[in-house]
Amino acid sequence: MSWKAIVVAITITASIPVFSQVVPSASQGGLPLRVGGGFSDFATYVGPERMLGGALWVDSTPTGLPRLLNGFGVEAEARYVTVGQTRPGAEGFFRMATLGGGPTYTVRRFGRIRPYAKFLVNYGVLQMNYPYRGEIYRRQSEAVYALGGGAEYHLVSHLWARGDYEYQLWPDTLLNPNWTLDPQGFTAGMSWDLGNMHRH
């Protein structure tokens, strides 16, 4: 497990309140924070094919930064996906949970659409009771890296719809020392903008 990577993720996540104070609230119309949640559908490519669950996120794209940094922000995210209604100990039980954060970049807005990209460093937990190469694998925790992106669509007032894709890397998976677990999937959800970031 890469503890340095996890410390970096926690540090970045903790910086969100700092970024929110870059510009006085009078000039930005509120905190530049968005809070949201959604439904996730992930593919694991080992054991069960599809995993379903949910995700929560908080992100900030502060205003008033130097021109070179316009569009950059930070995001904290938690995700939990599992297979059906299986329980720990049952054959086929498989679940993954991640918690972390990292930088984001919001591309120039196109009408009501706001595209973005992200890189996250997470603390991840993998647990399963599933036969693999003649053995039953149990549980592990490690640093997990994620690349992704998507777009937000402004619905009304402070409400945004969000479609997100994420590709994860679990480099220390003990299923095979020479193999990296790389689940990927989509999340559809809604965000509530605590500021007035929707204004042109």
C-alpha atoms as a PDB file:
ATOM      1  CA  MET A   1       0.000   0.000   0.000  1.00  0.00           C
ATOM      2  CA  SER A   2       1.335   3.453  -0.915  1.00  0.00           C
ATOM      3  CA  TRP A   3       0.777   5.511   2.229  1.00  0.00           C
ATOM      4  CA  LYS A   4       2.440   8.560   0.635  1.00  0.00           C
ATOM      5  CA  ALA A   5      -0.161   8.538  -2.116  1.00  0.00           C
ATOM      6  CA  ILE A   6      -2.977   8.327   0.418  1.00  0.00           C
ATOM      7  CA  VAL A   7      -1.521  11.246   2.407  1.00  0.00           C
ATOM      8  CA  VAL A   8      -1.394  13.301  -0.805  1.00  0.00           C
ATOM      9  CA  ALA A   9      -5.055  12.505  -1.499  1.00  0.00           C
ATOM     10  CA  ILE A  10      -6.103  13.536   2.010  1.00  0.00           C
ATOM     11  CA  THR A  11      -4.090  16.763   1.741  1.00  0.00           C
ATOM     12  CA  ILE A  12      -5.701  17.682  -1.580  1.00  0.00           C
ATOM     13  CA  THR A  13      -9.158  16.903  -0.263  1.00  0.00           C
ATOM     14  CA  ALA A  14      -8.588  18.995   2.848  1.00  0.00           C
ATOM     15  CA  SER A  15      -7.658  21.966   0.653  1.00  0.00           C
ATOM     16  CA  ILE A  16     -11.219  22.419  -0.666  1.00  0.00           C
ATOM     17  CA  PRO A  17     -12.233  24.851   2.124  1.00  0.00           C
ATOM     18  CA  VAL A  18      -9.055  26.864   1.470  1.00  0.00           C
ATOM     19  CA  PHE A  19      -9.873  27.226  -2.231  1.00  0.00           C
ATOM     20  CA  SER A  20     -13.381  28.346  -1.346  1.00  0.00           C
ATOM     21  CA  GLN A  21     -11.936  31.466   0.284  1.00  0.00           C
ATOM     22  CA  VAL A  22      -9.792  32.581  -2.672  1.00  0.00           C
ATOM     23  CA  VAL A  23     -12.402  35.142  -3.746  1.00  0.00           C
ATOM     24  CA  PRO A  24     -14.625  37.128  -1.361  1.00  0.00           C
ATOM     25  CA  SER A  25     -18.136  35.724  -1.258  1.00  0.00           C
ATOM     26  CA  ALA A  26     -19.585  39.018  -2.383  1.00  0.00           C
ATOM     27  CA  SER A  27     -17.905  38.692  -5.782  1.00  0.00           C
ATOM     28  CA  GLN A  28     -18.687  35.014  -6.390  1.00  0.00           C
ATOM     29  CA  GLY A  29     -22.204  34.824  -4.970  1.00  0.00           C
ATOM     30  CA  GLY A  30     -21.534  31.954  -2.542  1.00  0.00           C
ATOM     31  CA  LEU A  31     -19.162  29.088  -1.875  1.00  0.00           C
ATOM     32  CA  PRO A  32     -17.761  27.545  -5.093  1.00  0.00           C
ATOM     33  CA  LEU A  33     -18.723  24.050  -3.923  1.00  0.00           C
ATOM     34  CA  ARG A  34     -20.844  21.349  -5.538  1.00  0.00           C
ATOM     35  CA  VAL A  35     -22.221  18.378  -3.607  1.00  0.00           C
ATOM     36  CA  GLY A  36     -23.686  15.378  -5.379  1.00  0.00           C
ATOM     37  CA  GLY A  37     -24.434  11.701  -5.517  1.00  0.00           C
ATOM     38  CA  GLY A  38     -25.324   9.071  -8.059  1.00  0.00           C
ATOM     39  CA  PHE A  39     -25.691   5.479  -9.190  1.00  0.00           C
ATOM     40  CA  SER A  40     -22.581   3.550 -10.359  1.00  0.00           C
ATOM     41  CA  ASP A  41     -22.265   0.620 -12.766  1.00  0.00           C
ATOM     42  CA  PHE A  42     -18.738  -0.860 -12.886  1.00  0.00           C
ATOM     43  CA  ALA A  43     -17.046  -3.740 -14.719  1.00  0.00           C
ATOM     44  CA  THR A  44     -14.329  -5.679 -12.858  1.00  0.00           C
ATOM     45  CA  TYR A  45     -13.084  -8.188 -15.492  1.00  0.00           C
ATOM     46  CA  VAL A  46     -12.469 -10.714 -12.722  1.00  0.00           C
ATOM     47  CA  GLY A  47     -15.180 -12.705 -10.992  1.00  0.00           C
ATOM     48  CA  PRO A  48     -18.575 -11.047 -11.576  1.00  0.00           C
ATOM     49  CA  GLU A  49     -18.836  -8.908 -14.680  1.00  0.00           C
ATOM     50  CA  ARG A  50     -20.983  -6.071 -13.353  1.00  0.00           C
ATOM     51  CA  MET A  51     -20.982  -4.307  -9.992  1.00  0.00           C
ATOM     52  CA  LEU A  52     -23.624  -1.817  -8.921  1.00  0.00           C
ATOM     53  CA  GLY A  53     -23.595   0.745  -6.155  1.00  0.00           C
ATOM     54  CA  GLY A  54     -23.387   4.437  -5.414  1.00  0.00           C
ATOM     55  CA  ALA A  55     -21.031   7.397  -5.217  1.00  0.00           C
ATOM     56  CA  LEU A  56     -20.896  10.700  -3.347  1.00  0.00           C
ATOM     57  CA  TRP A  57     -18.711  13.665  -4.234  1.00  0.00           C
ATOM     58  CA  VAL A  58     -17.821  17.219  -3.255  1.00  0.00           C
ATOM     59  CA  ASP A  59     -15.922  19.378  -5.718  1.00  0.00           C
ATOM     60  CA  SER A  60     -14.801  22.958  -6.074  1.00  0.00           C
ATOM     61  CA  THR A  61     -13.685  25.032  -9.052  1.00  0.00           C
ATOM     62  CA  PRO A  62     -12.637  28.329  -7.476  1.00  0.00           C
ATOM     63  CA  THR A  63     -12.858  31.644  -9.287  1.00  0.00           C
ATOM     64  CA  GLY A  64     -10.323  34.458  -9.142  1.00  0.00           C
ATOM     65  CA  LEU A  65      -7.276  32.240  -9.717  1.00  0.00           C
ATOM     66  CA  PRO A  66      -4.390  33.320 -11.986  1.00  0.00           C
ATOM     67  CA  ARG A  67      -5.306  32.930 -15.649  1.00  0.00           C
ATOM     68  CA  LEU A  68      -2.983  29.942 -16.051  1.00  0.00           C
ATOM     69  CA  LEU A  69      -4.962  28.057 -13.379  1.00  0.00           C
ATOM     70  CA  ASN A  70      -8.459  28.865 -14.641  1.00  0.00           C
ATOM     71  CA  GLY A  71     -10.553  25.700 -14.734  1.00  0.00           C
ATOM     72  CA  PHE A  72      -8.521  23.781 -12.152  1.00  0.00           C
ATOM     73  CA  GLY A  73     -10.208  22.547  -8.998  1.00  0.00           C
ATOM     74  CA  VAL A  74     -10.329  19.686  -6.511  1.00  0.00           C
ATOM     75  CA  GLU A  75     -12.736  16.843  -5.828  1.00  0.00           C
ATOM     76  CA  ALA A  76     -13.344  14.439  -2.948  1.00  0.00           C
ATOM     77  CA  GLU A  77     -15.174  11.229  -3.821  1.00  0.00           C
ATOM     78  CA  ALA A  78     -16.461   8.093  -2.090  1.00  0.00           C
ATOM     79  CA  ARG A  79     -17.702   5.032  -3.997  1.00  0.00           C
ATOM     80  CA  TYR A  80     -19.103   1.644  -2.981  1.00  0.00           C
ATOM     81  CA  VAL A  81     -20.000  -1.059  -5.490  1.00  0.00           C
ATOM     82  CA  THR A  82     -20.958  -4.688  -4.951  1.00  0.00           C
ATOM     83  CA  VAL A  83     -22.717  -7.596  -6.665  1.00  0.00           C
ATOM     84  CA  GLY A  84     -26.438  -7.977  -6.157  1.00  0.00           C
ATOM     85  CA  GLN A  85     -27.564  -8.739  -2.613  1.00  0.00           C
ATOM     86  CA  THR A  86     -24.745 -11.129  -1.727  1.00  0.00           C
ATOM     87  CA  ARG A  87     -23.411 -11.209   1.829  1.00  0.00           C
ATOM     88  CA  PRO A  88     -19.888 -11.618   3.280  1.00  0.00           C
ATOM     89  CA  GLY A  89     -18.959 -15.293   3.296  1.00  0.00           C
ATOM     90  CA  ALA A  90     -21.287 -16.266   0.461  1.00  0.00           C
ATOM     91  CA  GLU A  91     -19.565 -17.656  -2.609  1.00  0.00           C
ATOM     92  CA  GLY A  92     -19.427 -14.965  -5.253  1.00  0.00           C
ATOM     93  CA  PHE A  93     -19.475 -12.095  -2.745  1.00  0.00           C
ATOM     94  CA  PHE A  94     -17.482  -9.239  -4.271  1.00  0.00           C
ATOM     95  CA  ARG A  95     -17.303  -5.581  -3.295  1.00  0.00           C
ATOM     96  CA  MET A  96     -15.027  -2.581  -3.720  1.00  0.00           C
ATOM     97  CA  ALA A  97     -14.954   0.697  -1.839  1.00  0.00           C
ATOM     98  CA  THR A  98     -12.802   3.770  -2.487  1.00  0.00           C
ATOM     99  CA  LEU A  99     -12.355   7.107  -0.720  1.00  0.00           C
ATOM    100  CA  GLY A 100     -10.033   9.881  -1.838  1.00  0.00           C
ATOM    101  CA  GLY A 101      -9.597  12.989  -3.891  1.00  0.00           C
ATOM    102  CA  GLY A 102      -7.485  14.906  -6.342  1.00  0.00           C
ATOM    103  CA  PRO A 103      -7.307  17.632  -8.977  1.00  0.00           C
ATOM    104  CA  THR A 104      -9.925  18.313 -11.635  1.00  0.00           C
ATOM    105  CA  TYR A 105      -9.950  20.435 -14.762  1.00  0.00           C
ATOM    106  CA  THR A 106     -13.146  21.965 -16.099  1.00  0.00           C
ATOM    107  CA  VAL A 107     -13.035  22.556 -19.830  1.00  0.00           C
ATOM    108  CA  ARG A 108     -14.584  25.678 -21.330  1.00  0.00           C
ATOM    109  CA  ARG A 109     -18.358  25.578 -20.918  1.00  0.00           C
ATOM    110  CA  PHE A 110     -20.517  24.898 -23.985  1.00  0.00           C
ATOM    111  CA  GLY A 111     -23.989  26.294 -23.410  1.00  0.00           C
ATOM    112  CA  ARG A 112     -25.486  24.289 -20.532  1.00  0.00           C
ATOM    113  CA  ILE A 113     -22.766  21.613 -20.704  1.00  0.00           C
ATOM    114  CA  ARG A 114     -19.630  21.721 -18.541  1.00  0.00           C
ATOM    115  CA  PRO A 115     -17.055  18.987 -19.461  1.00  0.00           C
ATOM    116  CA  TYR A 116     -14.340  18.034 -16.976  1.00  0.00           C
ATOM    117  CA  ALA A 117     -11.426  15.658 -16.382  1.00  0.00           C
ATOM    118  CA  LYS A 118     -10.078  14.319 -13.074  1.00  0.00           C
ATOM    119  CA  PHE A 119      -7.254  12.393 -11.436  1.00  0.00           C
ATOM    120  CA  LEU A 120      -7.909  10.861  -7.986  1.00  0.00           C
ATOM    121  CA  VAL A 121      -5.776   9.059  -5.428  1.00  0.00           C
ATOM    122  CA  ASN A 122      -7.927   6.811  -3.234  1.00  0.00           C
ATOM    123  CA  TYR A 123      -7.772   4.486  -0.293  1.00  0.00           C
ATOM    124  CA  GLY A 124      -9.384   1.326  -1.636  1.00  0.00           C
ATOM    125  CA  VAL A 125     -10.744  -1.835  -0.029  1.00  0.00           C
ATOM    126  CA  LEU A 126     -11.381  -4.980  -2.058  1.00  0.00           C
ATOM    127  CA  GLN A 127     -13.262  -7.887  -0.466  1.00  0.00           C
ATOM    128  CA  MET A 128     -14.492 -11.072  -2.062  1.00  0.00           C
ATOM    129  CA  ASN A 129     -15.224 -14.741  -1.602  1.00  0.00           C
ATOM    130  CA  TYR A 130     -14.719 -15.897  -5.151  1.00  0.00           C
ATOM    131  CA  PRO A 131     -12.641 -18.770  -6.595  1.00  0.00           C
ATOM    132  CA  TYR A 132      -9.664 -17.545  -8.606  1.00  0.00           C
ATOM    133  CA  ARG A 133      -6.997 -19.914  -9.933  1.00  0.00           C
ATOM    134  CA  GLY A 134      -7.928 -22.556  -7.392  1.00  0.00           C
ATOM    135  CA  GLU A 135      -7.848 -20.229  -4.371  1.00  0.00           C
ATOM    136  CA  ILE A 136     -10.422 -18.210  -2.458  1.00  0.00           C
ATOM    137  CA  TYR A 137      -9.325 -14.597  -2.231  1.00  0.00           C
ATOM    138  CA  ARG A 138     -10.466 -12.596   0.804  1.00  0.00           C
ATOM    139  CA  ARG A 139      -9.650  -8.932   1.485  1.00  0.00           C
ATOM    140  CA  GLN A 140      -7.043  -6.255   0.937  1.00  0.00           C
ATOM    141  CA  SER A 141      -6.629  -2.491   1.125  1.00  0.00           C
ATOM    142  CA  GLU A 142      -4.267  -0.319  -0.896  1.00  0.00           C
ATOM    143  CA  ALA A 143      -3.769   2.938  -2.775  1.00  0.00           C
ATOM    144  CA  VAL A 144      -5.942   3.151  -5.881  1.00  0.00           C
ATOM    145  CA  TYR A 145      -5.442   5.579  -8.746  1.00  0.00           C
ATOM    146  CA  ALA A 146      -8.294   6.774 -10.938  1.00  0.00           C
ATOM    147  CA  LEU A 147      -8.486   8.670 -14.212  1.00  0.00           C
ATOM    148  CA  GLY A 148     -11.786   9.906 -15.479  1.00  0.00           C
ATOM    149  CA  GLY A 149     -13.996  12.620 -16.752  1.00  0.00           C
ATOM    150  CA  GLY A 150     -17.454  13.465 -17.881  1.00  0.00           C
ATOM    151  CA  ALA A 151     -19.835  16.351 -18.166  1.00  0.00           C
ATOM    152  CA  GLU A 152     -22.378  18.233 -16.101  1.00  0.00           C
ATOM    153  CA  TYR A 153     -25.587  19.605 -17.592  1.00  0.00           C
ATOM    154  CA  HIS A 154     -27.258  22.630 -16.006  1.00  0.00           C
ATOM    155  CA  LEU A 155     -30.901  21.792 -15.362  1.00  0.00           C
ATOM    156  CA  VAL A 156     -32.287  24.694 -13.351  1.00  0.00           C
ATOM    157  CA  SER A 157     -31.069  27.114 -10.692  1.00  0.00           C
ATOM    158  CA  HIS A 158     -28.350  25.308  -8.666  1.00  0.00           C
ATOM    159  CA  LEU A 159     -29.173  21.806  -9.957  1.00  0.00           C
ATOM    160  CA  TRP A 160     -26.898  19.943 -12.395  1.00  0.00           C
ATOM    161  CA  ALA A 161     -27.108  16.467 -13.945  1.00  0.00           C
ATOM    162  CA  ARG A 162     -23.799  14.615 -14.121  1.00  0.00           C
ATOM    163  CA  GLY A 163     -22.461  11.741 -16.224  1.00  0.00           C
ATOM    164  CA  ASP A 164     -19.064  10.425 -15.127  1.00  0.00           C
ATOM    165  CA  TYR A 165     -16.618   7.786 -16.400  1.00  0.00           C
ATOM    166  CA  GLU A 166     -13.813   6.434 -14.193  1.00  0.00           C
ATOM    167  CA  TYR A 167     -10.923   4.029 -14.876  1.00  0.00           C
ATOM    168  CA  GLN A 168      -9.245   2.674 -11.719  1.00  0.00           C
ATOM    169  CA  LEU A 169      -5.841   1.042 -11.193  1.00  0.00           C
ATOM    170  CA  TRP A 170      -5.265  -1.295  -8.231  1.00  0.00           C
ATOM    171  CA  PRO A 171      -1.514  -1.950  -8.731  1.00  0.00           C
ATOM    172  CA  ASP A 172      -0.859  -4.119  -5.643  1.00  0.00           C
ATOM    173  CA  THR A 173      -3.639  -6.657  -6.132  1.00  0.00           C
ATOM    174  CA  LEU A 174      -2.622 -10.001  -4.623  1.00  0.00           C
ATOM    175  CA  LEU A 175      -4.741 -11.964  -7.065  1.00  0.00           C
ATOM    176  CA  ASN A 176      -1.647 -12.038  -9.242  1.00  0.00           C
ATOM    177  CA  PRO A 177       1.655 -10.214  -8.439  1.00  0.00           C
ATOM    178  CA  ASN A 178       2.131  -9.446 -12.142  1.00  0.00           C
ATOM    179  CA  TRP A 179      -1.373  -8.214 -12.800  1.00  0.00           C
ATOM    180  CA  THR A 180      -3.171  -4.949 -12.070  1.00  0.00           C
ATOM    181  CA  LEU A 181      -6.890  -4.925 -11.334  1.00  0.00           C
ATOM    182  CA  ASP A 182      -8.459  -2.222 -13.493  1.00  0.00           C
ATOM    183  CA  PRO A 183     -12.209  -1.833 -12.910  1.00  0.00           C
ATOM    184  CA  GLN A 184     -13.977   0.889 -14.838  1.00  0.00           C
ATOM    185  CA  GLY A 185     -17.481   2.174 -15.084  1.00  0.00           C
ATOM    186  CA  PHE A 186     -20.010   4.968 -15.265  1.00  0.00           C
ATOM    187  CA  THR A 187     -21.890   7.027 -12.702  1.00  0.00           C
ATOM    188  CA  ALA A 188     -25.051   9.014 -13.364  1.00  0.00           C
ATOM    189  CA  GLY A 189     -26.249  11.471 -10.755  1.00  0.00           C
ATOM    190  CA  MET A 190     -27.098  14.987  -9.671  1.00  0.00           C
ATOM    191  CA  SER A 191     -25.103  17.849  -8.149  1.00  0.00           C
ATOM    192  CA  TRP A 192     -26.250  20.830  -6.117  1.00  0.00           C
ATOM    193  CA  ASP A 193     -24.186  23.989  -6.615  1.00  0.00           C
ATOM    194  CA  LEU A 194     -23.803  25.890  -3.336  1.00  0.00           C
ATOM    195  CA  GLY A 195     -22.643  29.016  -5.163  1.00  0.00           C
ATOM    196  CA  ASN A 196     -23.607  30.773  -8.360  1.00  0.00           C
ATOM    197  CA  MET A 197     -21.183  28.925 -10.598  1.00  0.00           C
ATOM    198  CA  HIS A 198     -23.906  28.384 -13.207  1.00  0.00           C
ATOM    199  CA  ARG A 199     -23.912  32.005 -14.239  1.00  0.00           C
ATOM    200  CA  HIS A 200     -22.134  32.974 -17.475  1.00  0.00           C
END
